[in-house]
PDB file of N, CA and C in Angstrom:
ATOM      1  N   MET A   1     -14.287  42.163 -10.274  1.00  0.00           N
ATOM      2  CA  MET A   1     -15.130  42.134  -9.110  1.00  0.00           C
ATOM      3  C   MET A   1     -14.305  41.892  -7.840  1.00  0.00           C
ATOM      4  N   PHE A   2     -13.325  40.984  -7.920  1.00  0.00           N
ATOM      5  CA  PHE A   2     -12.470  40.703  -6.768  1.00  0.00           C
ATOM      6  C   PHE A   2     -11.120  41.381  -6.971  1.00  0.00           C
ATOM      7  N   ASN A   3     -10.529  41.829  -5.874  1.00  0.00           N
ATOM      8  CA  ASN A   3      -9.191  42.417  -5.896  1.00  0.00           C
ATOM      9  C   ASN A   3      -8.286  41.616  -4.972  1.00  0.00           C
ATOM     10  N   ASP A   4      -6.993  41.538  -5.327  1.00  0.00           N
ATOM     11  CA  ASP A   4      -6.034  40.847  -4.470  1.00  0.00           C
ATOM     12  C   ASP A   4      -6.050  41.471  -3.078  1.00  0.00           C
ATOM     13  N   LYS A   5      -5.929  40.610  -2.049  1.00  0.00           N
ATOM     14  CA  LYS A   5      -5.888  41.074  -0.660  1.00  0.00           C
ATOM     15  C   LYS A   5      -4.633  40.545   0.000  1.00  0.00           C
ATOM     16  N   ASN A   6      -4.040  41.355   0.832  1.00  0.00           N
ATOM     17  CA  ASN A   6      -2.923  40.906   1.649  1.00  0.00           C
ATOM     18  C   ASN A   6      -3.478  40.451   2.987  1.00  0.00           C
ATOM     19  N   LEU A   7      -3.181  39.194   3.344  1.00  0.00           N
ATOM     20  CA  LEU A   7      -3.629  38.623   4.611  1.00  0.00           C
ATOM     21  C   LEU A   7      -2.410  38.238   5.428  1.00  0.00           C
ATOM     22  N   VAL A   8      -2.604  38.059   6.736  1.00  0.00           N
ATOM     23  CA  VAL A   8      -1.516  37.663   7.627  1.00  0.00           C
ATOM     24  C   VAL A   8      -1.778  36.236   8.095  1.00  0.00           C
ATOM     25  N   CYS A   9      -0.779  35.379   7.927  1.00  0.00           N
ATOM     26  CA  CYS A   9      -0.880  33.976   8.316  1.00  0.00           C
ATOM     27  C   CYS A   9      -0.952  33.872   9.834  1.00  0.00           C
ATOM     28  N   LYS A  10      -1.913  33.096  10.329  1.00  0.00           N
ATOM     29  CA  LYS A  10      -2.065  32.987  11.776  1.00  0.00           C
ATOM     30  C   LYS A  10      -1.014  32.082  12.413  1.00  0.00           C
ATOM     31  N   ASP A  11      -0.288  31.290  11.606  1.00  0.00           N
ATOM     32  CA  ASP A  11       0.770  30.438  12.154  1.00  0.00           C
ATOM     33  C   ASP A  11       2.123  31.129  12.179  1.00  0.00           C
ATOM     34  N   CYS A  12       2.562  31.632  11.031  1.00  0.00           N
ATOM     35  CA  CYS A  12       3.910  32.206  10.942  1.00  0.00           C
ATOM     36  C   CYS A  12       3.933  33.727  11.029  1.00  0.00           C
ATOM     37  N   GLY A  13       2.793  34.363  10.843  1.00  0.00           N
ATOM     38  CA  GLY A  13       2.721  35.816  10.935  1.00  0.00           C
ATOM     39  C   GLY A  13       3.158  36.548   9.677  1.00  0.00           C
ATOM     40  N   ASN A  14       3.526  35.816   8.632  1.00  0.00           N
ATOM     41  CA  ASN A  14       3.935  36.448   7.377  1.00  0.00           C
ATOM     42  C   ASN A  14       2.716  36.850   6.563  1.00  0.00           C
ATOM     43  N   GLU A  15       2.904  37.885   5.756  1.00  0.00           N
ATOM     44  CA  GLU A  15       1.838  38.306   4.853  1.00  0.00           C
ATOM     45  C   GLU A  15       1.830  37.424   3.622  1.00  0.00           C
ATOM     46  N   PHE A  16       0.611  37.149   3.116  1.00  0.00           N
ATOM     47  CA  PHE A  16       0.478  36.418   1.861  1.00  0.00           C
ATOM     48  C   PHE A  16      -0.681  37.026   1.091  1.00  0.00           C
ATOM     49  N   VAL A  17      -0.672  36.785  -0.221  1.00  0.00           N
ATOM     50  CA  VAL A  17      -1.678  37.383  -1.097  1.00  0.00           C
ATOM     51  C   VAL A  17      -2.816  36.391  -1.323  1.00  0.00           C
ATOM     52  N   PHE A  18      -4.030  36.848  -1.070  1.00  0.00           N
ATOM     53  CA  PHE A  18      -5.246  36.102  -1.389  1.00  0.00           C
ATOM     54  C   PHE A  18      -5.712  36.686  -2.719  1.00  0.00           C
ATOM     55  N   THR A  19      -5.355  35.983  -3.800  1.00  0.00           N
ATOM     56  CA  THR A  19      -5.550  36.547  -5.141  1.00  0.00           C
ATOM     57  C   THR A  19      -7.024  36.629  -5.517  1.00  0.00           C
ATOM     58  N   SER A  20      -7.296  37.448  -6.515  1.00  0.00           N
ATOM     59  CA  SER A  20      -8.672  37.591  -6.985  1.00  0.00           C
ATOM     60  C   SER A  20      -9.187  36.259  -7.533  1.00  0.00           C
ATOM     61  N   GLY A  21      -8.320  35.493  -8.186  1.00  0.00           N
ATOM     62  CA  GLY A  21      -8.704  34.185  -8.690  1.00  0.00           C
ATOM     63  C   GLY A  21      -9.073  33.225  -7.562  1.00  0.00           C
ATOM     64  N   GLU A  22      -8.290  33.253  -6.480  1.00  0.00           N
ATOM     65  CA  GLU A  22      -8.602  32.417  -5.323  1.00  0.00           C
ATOM     66  C   GLU A  22      -9.916  32.853  -4.687  1.00  0.00           C
ATOM     67  N   GLN A  23     -10.143  34.153  -4.624  1.00  0.00           N
ATOM     68  CA  GLN A  23     -11.390  34.672  -4.058  1.00  0.00           C
ATOM     69  C   GLN A  23     -12.589  34.233  -4.897  1.00  0.00           C
ATOM     70  N   GLU A  24     -12.419  34.252  -6.202  1.00  0.00           N
ATOM     71  CA  GLU A  24     -13.491  33.820  -7.096  1.00  0.00           C
ATOM     72  C   GLU A  24     -13.782  32.328  -6.889  1.00  0.00           C
ATOM     73  N   PHE A  25     -12.722  31.526  -6.753  1.00  0.00           N
ATOM     74  CA  PHE A  25     -12.879  30.098  -6.495  1.00  0.00           C
ATOM     75  C   PHE A  25     -13.620  29.867  -5.176  1.00  0.00           C
ATOM     76  N   TYR A  26     -13.224  30.586  -4.133  1.00  0.00           N
ATOM     77  CA  TYR A  26     -13.886  30.464  -2.834  1.00  0.00           C
ATOM     78  C   TYR A  26     -15.366  30.804  -2.958  1.00  0.00           C
ATOM     79  N   ALA A  27     -15.677  31.869  -3.709  1.00  0.00           N
ATOM     80  CA  ALA A  27     -17.064  32.288  -3.882  1.00  0.00           C
ATOM     81  C   ALA A  27     -17.868  31.227  -4.636  1.00  0.00           C
ATOM     82  N   GLU A  28     -17.282  30.642  -5.678  1.00  0.00           N
ATOM     83  CA  GLU A  28     -17.962  29.598  -6.456  1.00  0.00           C
ATOM     84  C   GLU A  28     -18.272  28.383  -5.595  1.00  0.00           C
ATOM     85  N   LYS A  29     -17.356  28.035  -4.697  1.00  0.00           N
ATOM     86  CA  LYS A  29     -17.531  26.875  -3.832  1.00  0.00           C
ATOM     87  C   LYS A  29     -18.418  27.178  -2.618  1.00  0.00           C
ATOM     88  N   GLY A  30     -18.728  28.453  -2.409  1.00  0.00           N
ATOM     89  CA  GLY A  30     -19.574  28.840  -1.280  1.00  0.00           C
ATOM     90  C   GLY A  30     -18.827  28.946   0.030  1.00  0.00           C
ATOM     91  N   PHE A  31     -17.504  29.040  -0.019  1.00  0.00           N
ATOM     92  CA  PHE A  31     -16.715  29.179   1.208  1.00  0.00           C
ATOM     93  C   PHE A  31     -16.955  30.565   1.786  1.00  0.00           C
ATOM     94  N   GLN A  32     -17.188  30.629   3.084  1.00  0.00           N
ATOM     95  CA  GLN A  32     -17.484  31.896   3.749  1.00  0.00           C
ATOM     96  C   GLN A  32     -16.242  32.582   4.315  1.00  0.00           C
ATOM     97  N   ASN A  33     -15.250  31.798   4.730  1.00  0.00           N
ATOM     98  CA  ASN A  33     -14.074  32.350   5.403  1.00  0.00           C
ATOM     99  C   ASN A  33     -12.886  32.475   4.466  1.00  0.00           C
ATOM    100  N   GLU A  34     -12.111  33.512   4.697  1.00  0.00           N
ATOM    101  CA  GLU A  34     -10.862  33.685   3.962  1.00  0.00           C
ATOM    102  C   GLU A  34      -9.836  32.712   4.539  1.00  0.00           C
ATOM    103  N   PRO A  35      -8.805  32.347   3.764  1.00  0.00           N
ATOM    104  CA  PRO A  35      -7.782  31.451   4.312  1.00  0.00           C
ATOM    105  C   PRO A  35      -7.051  32.126   5.471  1.00  0.00           C
ATOM    106  N   ALA A  36      -6.730  31.354   6.490  1.00  0.00           N
ATOM    107  CA  ALA A  36      -6.047  31.890   7.667  1.00  0.00           C
ATOM    108  C   ALA A  36      -4.554  31.609   7.639  1.00  0.00           C
ATOM    109  N   ARG A  37      -4.126  30.702   6.752  1.00  0.00           N
ATOM    110  CA  ARG A  37      -2.716  30.323   6.690  1.00  0.00           C
ATOM    111  C   ARG A  37      -2.168  30.503   5.279  1.00  0.00           C
ATOM    112  N   CYS A  38      -0.881  30.801   5.204  1.00  0.00           N
ATOM    113  CA  CYS A  38      -0.222  30.907   3.908  1.00  0.00           C
ATOM    114  C   CYS A  38      -0.058  29.506   3.321  1.00  0.00           C
ATOM    115  N   LYS A  39       0.316  29.435   2.075  1.00  0.00           N
ATOM    116  CA  LYS A  39       0.435  28.142   1.392  1.00  0.00           C
ATOM    117  C   LYS A  39       1.446  27.229   2.079  1.00  0.00           C
ATOM    118  N   ASP A  40       2.595  27.773   2.500  1.00  0.00           N
ATOM    119  CA  ASP A  40       3.621  26.953   3.159  1.00  0.00           C
ATOM    120  C   ASP A  40       3.105  26.365   4.472  1.00  0.00           C
ATOM    121  N   CYS A  41       2.407  27.169   5.274  1.00  0.00           N
ATOM    122  CA  CYS A  41       1.882  26.684   6.551  1.00  0.00           C
ATOM    123  C   CYS A  41       0.737  25.691   6.339  1.00  0.00           C
ATOM    124  N   ARG A  42      -0.073  25.893   5.299  1.00  0.00           N
ATOM    125  CA  ARG A  42      -1.132  24.922   4.988  1.00  0.00           C
ATOM    126  C   ARG A  42      -0.509  23.578   4.620  1.00  0.00           C
ATOM    127  N   SER A  43       0.535  23.622   3.791  1.00  0.00           N
ATOM    128  CA  SER A  43       1.211  22.382   3.384  1.00  0.00           C
ATOM    129  C   SER A  43       1.858  21.695   4.583  1.00  0.00           C
ATOM    130  N   ALA A  44       2.520  22.463   5.438  1.00  0.00           N
ATOM    131  CA  ALA A  44       3.176  21.892   6.615  1.00  0.00           C
ATOM    132  C   ALA A  44       2.143  21.280   7.561  1.00  0.00           C
ATOM    133  N   ARG A  45       1.021  21.940   7.720  1.00  0.00           N
ATOM    134  CA  ARG A  45      -0.043  21.434   8.595  1.00  0.00           C
ATOM    135  C   ARG A  45      -0.639  20.140   8.031  1.00  0.00           C
ATOM    136  N   LYS A  46      -0.825  20.108   6.720  1.00  0.00           N
ATOM    137  CA  LYS A  46      -1.368  18.915   6.076  1.00  0.00           C
ATOM    138  C   LYS A  46      -0.426  17.736   6.248  1.00  0.00           C
ATOM    139  N   ASN A  47       0.873  17.955   6.066  1.00  0.00           N
ATOM    140  CA  ASN A  47       1.867  16.884   6.195  1.00  0.00           C
ATOM    141  C   ASN A  47       2.018  16.428   7.644  1.00  0.00           C
ATOM    142  N   ALA A  48       1.894  17.352   8.596  1.00  0.00           N
ATOM    143  CA  ALA A  48       2.056  17.018  10.005  1.00  0.00           C
ATOM    144  C   ALA A  48       0.844  16.292  10.566  1.00  0.00           C
ATOM    145  N   SER A  49      -0.281  16.362   9.897  1.00  0.00           N
ATOM    146  CA  SER A  49      -1.509  15.757  10.417  1.00  0.00           C
ATOM    147  C   SER A  49      -1.547  14.251  10.208  1.00  0.00           C
ATOM    148  N   GLY A  50      -0.485  13.673   9.719  1.00  0.00           N
ATOM    149  CA  GLY A  50      -0.450  12.227   9.520  1.00  0.00           C
ATOM    150  C   GLY A  50      -1.197  11.806   8.278  1.00  0.00           C
ATOM    151  N   ASP A  51      -1.265  12.683   7.298  1.00  0.00           N
ATOM    152  CA  ASP A  51      -1.935  12.373   6.029  1.00  0.00           C
ATOM    153  C   ASP A  51      -3.368  11.908   6.254  1.00  0.00           C
ATOM    154  N   ARG A  52      -4.155  12.752   6.899  1.00  0.00           N
ATOM    155  CA  ARG A  52      -5.551  12.417   7.169  1.00  0.00           C
ATOM    156  C   ARG A  52      -6.279  11.974   5.916  1.00  0.00           C
ATOM    157  N   GLY A  53      -5.959  12.582   4.785  1.00  0.00           N
ATOM    158  CA  GLY A  53      -6.647  12.247   3.554  1.00  0.00           C
ATOM    159  C   GLY A  53      -6.181  10.961   2.913  1.00  0.00           C
ATOM    160  N   ALA A  54      -5.039  10.448   3.361  1.00  0.00           N
ATOM    161  CA  ALA A  54      -4.510   9.223   2.768  1.00  0.00           C
ATOM    162  C   ALA A  54      -5.309   8.024   3.244  1.00  0.00           C
ATOM    163  N   LYS A  55      -5.455   7.065   2.391  1.00  0.00           N
ATOM    164  CA  LYS A  55      -6.186   5.858   2.762  1.00  0.00           C
ATOM    165  C   LYS A  55      -5.327   5.005   3.690  1.00  0.00           C
ATOM    166  N   ARG A  56      -5.961   4.546   4.739  1.00  0.00           N
ATOM    167  CA  ARG A  56      -5.271   3.632   5.635  1.00  0.00           C
ATOM    168  C   ARG A  56      -5.306   2.233   5.030  1.00  0.00           C
ATOM    169  N   GLU A  57      -4.279   1.474   5.328  1.00  0.00           N
ATOM    170  CA  GLU A  57      -4.239   0.108   4.826  1.00  0.00           C
ATOM    171  C   GLU A  57      -5.300  -0.701   5.553  1.00  0.00           C
ATOM    172  N   ARG A  58      -6.089  -1.422   4.805  1.00  0.00           N
ATOM    173  CA  ARG A  58      -7.193  -2.197   5.364  1.00  0.00           C
ATOM    174  C   ARG A  58      -6.660  -3.439   6.053  1.00  0.00           C
ATOM    175  N   VAL A  59      -7.150  -3.687   7.259  1.00  0.00           N
ATOM    176  CA  VAL A  59      -6.791  -4.894   7.992  1.00  0.00           C
ATOM    177  C   VAL A  59      -7.741  -6.002   7.556  1.00  0.00           C
ATOM    178  N   MET A  60      -7.176  -7.127   7.169  1.00  0.00           N
ATOM    179  CA  MET A  60      -7.980  -8.265   6.721  1.00  0.00           C
ATOM    180  C   MET A  60      -7.854  -9.391   7.747  1.00  0.00           C
ATOM    181  N   TYR A  61      -8.945 -10.116   7.936  1.00  0.00           N
ATOM    182  CA  TYR A  61      -8.993 -11.206   8.897  1.00  0.00           C
ATOM    183  C   TYR A  61      -9.201 -12.535   8.170  1.00  0.00           C
ATOM    184  N   ASP A  62      -8.451 -13.540   8.585  1.00  0.00           N
ATOM    185  CA  ASP A  62      -8.587 -14.878   8.012  1.00  0.00           C
ATOM    186  C   ASP A  62      -9.788 -15.560   8.651  1.00  0.00           C
ATOM    187  N   THR A  63     -10.559 -16.257   7.836  1.00  0.00           N
ATOM    188  CA  THR A  63     -11.724 -16.999   8.321  1.00  0.00           C
ATOM    189  C   THR A  63     -12.067 -18.103   7.328  1.00  0.00           C
ATOM    190  N   THR A  64     -13.037 -18.909   7.682  1.00  0.00           N
ATOM    191  CA  THR A  64     -13.503 -19.998   6.827  1.00  0.00           C
ATOM    192  C   THR A  64     -14.916 -19.670   6.366  1.00  0.00           C
ATOM    193  N   CYS A  65     -15.181 -19.847   5.092  1.00  0.00           N
ATOM    194  CA  CYS A  65     -16.496 -19.580   4.518  1.00  0.00           C
ATOM    195  C   CYS A  65     -17.517 -20.558   5.107  1.00  0.00           C
ATOM    196  N   ALA A  66     -18.660 -20.033   5.546  1.00  0.00           N
ATOM    197  CA  ALA A  66     -19.711 -20.859   6.136  1.00  0.00           C
ATOM    198  C   ALA A  66     -20.433 -21.699   5.089  1.00  0.00           C
ATOM    199  N   GLU A  67     -20.318 -21.338   3.832  1.00  0.00           N
ATOM    200  CA  GLU A  67     -21.029 -22.043   2.760  1.00  0.00           C
ATOM    201  C   GLU A  67     -20.168 -23.165   2.155  1.00  0.00           C
ATOM    202  N   CYS A  68     -18.999 -22.800   1.640  1.00  0.00           N
ATOM    203  CA  CYS A  68     -18.186 -23.789   0.911  1.00  0.00           C
ATOM    204  C   CYS A  68     -17.003 -24.326   1.718  1.00  0.00           C
ATOM    205  N   GLY A  69     -16.674 -23.693   2.851  1.00  0.00           N
ATOM    206  CA  GLY A  69     -15.596 -24.176   3.703  1.00  0.00           C
ATOM    207  C   GLY A  69     -14.201 -23.762   3.297  1.00  0.00           C
ATOM    208  N   CYS A  70     -14.063 -22.923   2.253  1.00  0.00           N
ATOM    209  CA  CYS A  70     -12.722 -22.498   1.828  1.00  0.00           C
ATOM    210  C   CYS A  70     -12.207 -21.385   2.739  1.00  0.00           C
ATOM    211  N   GLU A  71     -10.883 -21.264   2.789  1.00  0.00           N
ATOM    212  CA  GLU A  71     -10.254 -20.204   3.556  1.00  0.00           C
ATOM    213  C   GLU A  71     -10.414 -18.891   2.786  1.00  0.00           C
ATOM    214  N   THR A  72     -10.733 -17.806   3.492  1.00  0.00           N
ATOM    215  CA  THR A  72     -10.921 -16.509   2.862  1.00  0.00           C
ATOM    216  C   THR A  72     -10.513 -15.415   3.819  1.00  0.00           C
ATOM    217  N   GLN A  73     -10.477 -14.198   3.336  1.00  0.00           N
ATOM    218  CA  GLN A  73     -10.179 -13.040   4.166  1.00  0.00           C
ATOM    219  C   GLN A  73     -11.318 -12.048   4.047  1.00  0.00           C
ATOM    220  N   VAL A  74     -11.634 -11.402   5.168  1.00  0.00           N
ATOM    221  CA  VAL A  74     -12.700 -10.408   5.195  1.00  0.00           C
ATOM    222  C   VAL A  74     -12.189  -9.148   5.882  1.00  0.00           C
ATOM    223  N   PRO A  75     -12.765  -7.961   5.559  1.00  0.00           N
ATOM    224  CA  PRO A  75     -12.283  -6.699   6.125  1.00  0.00           C
ATOM    225  C   PRO A  75     -12.906  -6.351   7.480  1.00  0.00           C
ATOM    226  N   PHE A  76     -13.450  -7.329   8.177  1.00  0.00           N
ATOM    227  CA  PHE A  76     -14.033  -7.110   9.501  1.00  0.00           C
ATOM    228  C   PHE A  76     -13.692  -8.309  10.378  1.00  0.00           C
ATOM    229  N   LYS A  77     -13.749  -8.110  11.679  1.00  0.00           N
ATOM    230  CA  LYS A  77     -13.432  -9.206  12.595  1.00  0.00           C
ATOM    231  C   LYS A  77     -14.660 -10.106  12.716  1.00  0.00           C
ATOM    232  N   PRO A  78     -14.544 -11.338  12.252  1.00  0.00           N
ATOM    233  CA  PRO A  78     -15.688 -12.249  12.301  1.00  0.00           C
ATOM    234  C   PRO A  78     -16.061 -12.609  13.744  1.00  0.00           C
ATOM    235  N   THR A  79     -17.355 -12.770  13.971  1.00  0.00           N
ATOM    236  CA  THR A  79     -17.840 -13.231  15.274  1.00  0.00           C
ATOM    237  C   THR A  79     -18.581 -14.536  15.062  1.00  0.00           C
ATOM    238  N   SER A  80     -18.782 -15.263  16.118  1.00  0.00           N
ATOM    239  CA  SER A  80     -19.410 -16.577  15.991  1.00  0.00           C
ATOM    240  C   SER A  80     -20.928 -16.498  15.839  1.00  0.00           C
ATOM    241  N   ASP A  81     -21.523 -15.333  16.044  1.00  0.00           N
ATOM    242  CA  ASP A  81     -22.981 -15.240  15.981  1.00  0.00           C
ATOM    243  C   ASP A  81     -23.541 -15.058  14.569  1.00  0.00           C
ATOM    244  N   ARG A  82     -22.682 -14.805  13.581  1.00  0.00           N
ATOM    245  CA  ARG A  82     -23.156 -14.632  12.200  1.00  0.00           C
ATOM    246  C   ARG A  82     -22.244 -15.373  11.240  1.00  0.00           C
ATOM    247  N   PRO A  83     -22.812 -15.972  10.198  1.00  0.00           N
ATOM    248  CA  PRO A  83     -21.977 -16.684   9.221  1.00  0.00           C
ATOM    249  C   PRO A  83     -21.177 -15.701   8.364  1.00  0.00           C
ATOM    250  N   VAL A  84     -20.004 -16.147   7.935  1.00  0.00           N
ATOM    251  CA  VAL A  84     -19.131 -15.343   7.070  1.00  0.00           C
ATOM    252  C   VAL A  84     -18.932 -16.129   5.776  1.00  0.00           C
ATOM    253  N   TYR A  85     -19.021 -15.437   4.649  1.00  0.00           N
ATOM    254  CA  TYR A  85     -18.921 -16.081   3.346  1.00  0.00           C
ATOM    255  C   TYR A  85     -17.736 -15.543   2.556  1.00  0.00           C
ATOM    256  N   CYS A  86     -17.180 -16.383   1.701  1.00  0.00           N
ATOM    257  CA  CYS A  86     -16.138 -15.925   0.766  1.00  0.00           C
ATOM    258  C   CYS A  86     -16.832 -15.050  -0.295  1.00  0.00           C
ATOM    259  N   LYS A  87     -16.057 -14.405  -1.127  1.00  0.00           N
ATOM    260  CA  LYS A  87     -16.631 -13.497  -2.115  1.00  0.00           C
ATOM    261  C   LYS A  87     -17.598 -14.199  -3.053  1.00  0.00           C
ATOM    262  N   ASN A  88     -17.217 -15.381  -3.540  1.00  0.00           N
ATOM    263  CA  ASN A  88     -18.080 -16.095  -4.490  1.00  0.00           C
ATOM    264  C   ASN A  88     -19.411 -16.482  -3.847  1.00  0.00           C
ATOM    265  N   CYS A  89     -19.361 -17.011  -2.653  1.00  0.00           N
ATOM    266  CA  CYS A  89     -20.615 -17.423  -1.980  1.00  0.00           C
ATOM    267  C   CYS A  89     -21.445 -16.200  -1.596  1.00  0.00           C
ATOM    268  N   PHE A  90     -20.770 -15.146  -1.154  1.00  0.00           N
ATOM    269  CA  PHE A  90     -21.487 -13.926  -0.802  1.00  0.00           C
ATOM    270  C   PHE A  90     -22.212 -13.367  -2.020  1.00  0.00           C
ATOM    271  N   ASP A  91     -21.516 -13.288  -3.157  1.00  0.00           N
ATOM    272  CA  ASP A  91     -22.127 -12.776  -4.379  1.00  0.00           C
ATOM    273  C   ASP A  91     -23.298 -13.651  -4.831  1.00  0.00           C
ATOM    274  N   ALA A  92     -23.190 -14.969  -4.664  1.00  0.00           N
ATOM    275  CA  ALA A  92     -24.254 -15.894  -5.064  1.00  0.00           C
ATOM    276  C   ALA A  92     -25.492 -15.729  -4.187  1.00  0.00           C
ATOM    277  N   ARG A  93     -25.303 -15.315  -2.918  1.00  0.00           N
ATOM    278  CA  ARG A  93     -26.419 -15.159  -1.990  1.00  0.00           C
ATOM    279  C   ARG A  93     -27.134 -13.814  -2.164  1.00  0.00           C
ATOM    280  N   ARG A  94     -26.547 -12.880  -2.858  1.00  0.00           N
ATOM    281  CA  ARG A  94     -27.136 -11.533  -3.013  1.00  0.00           C
ATOM    282  C   ARG A  94     -28.431 -11.578  -3.698  1.00  0.00           C
TER     283      ARG A  94
END
């Protein structure tokens, strides 16, 4: 049903093959557009984007639990208008 197509990369201008297998995969996923970049340019673009898909390291904030008074860390900046709980106290309040 699908035949290999030669496409031109919009970044480097080189020709690359959009294989029938790739076309079938695109169709299964419901993708409407053909790839605009060759594999090398896609990889270079992905690496240059600062690893958008990579998880950023979570910033943790030191605080004191409002329930038991122990020192703990939370993944948000605590404010004085709401109490902050350690994991054990938070789980007990759920």
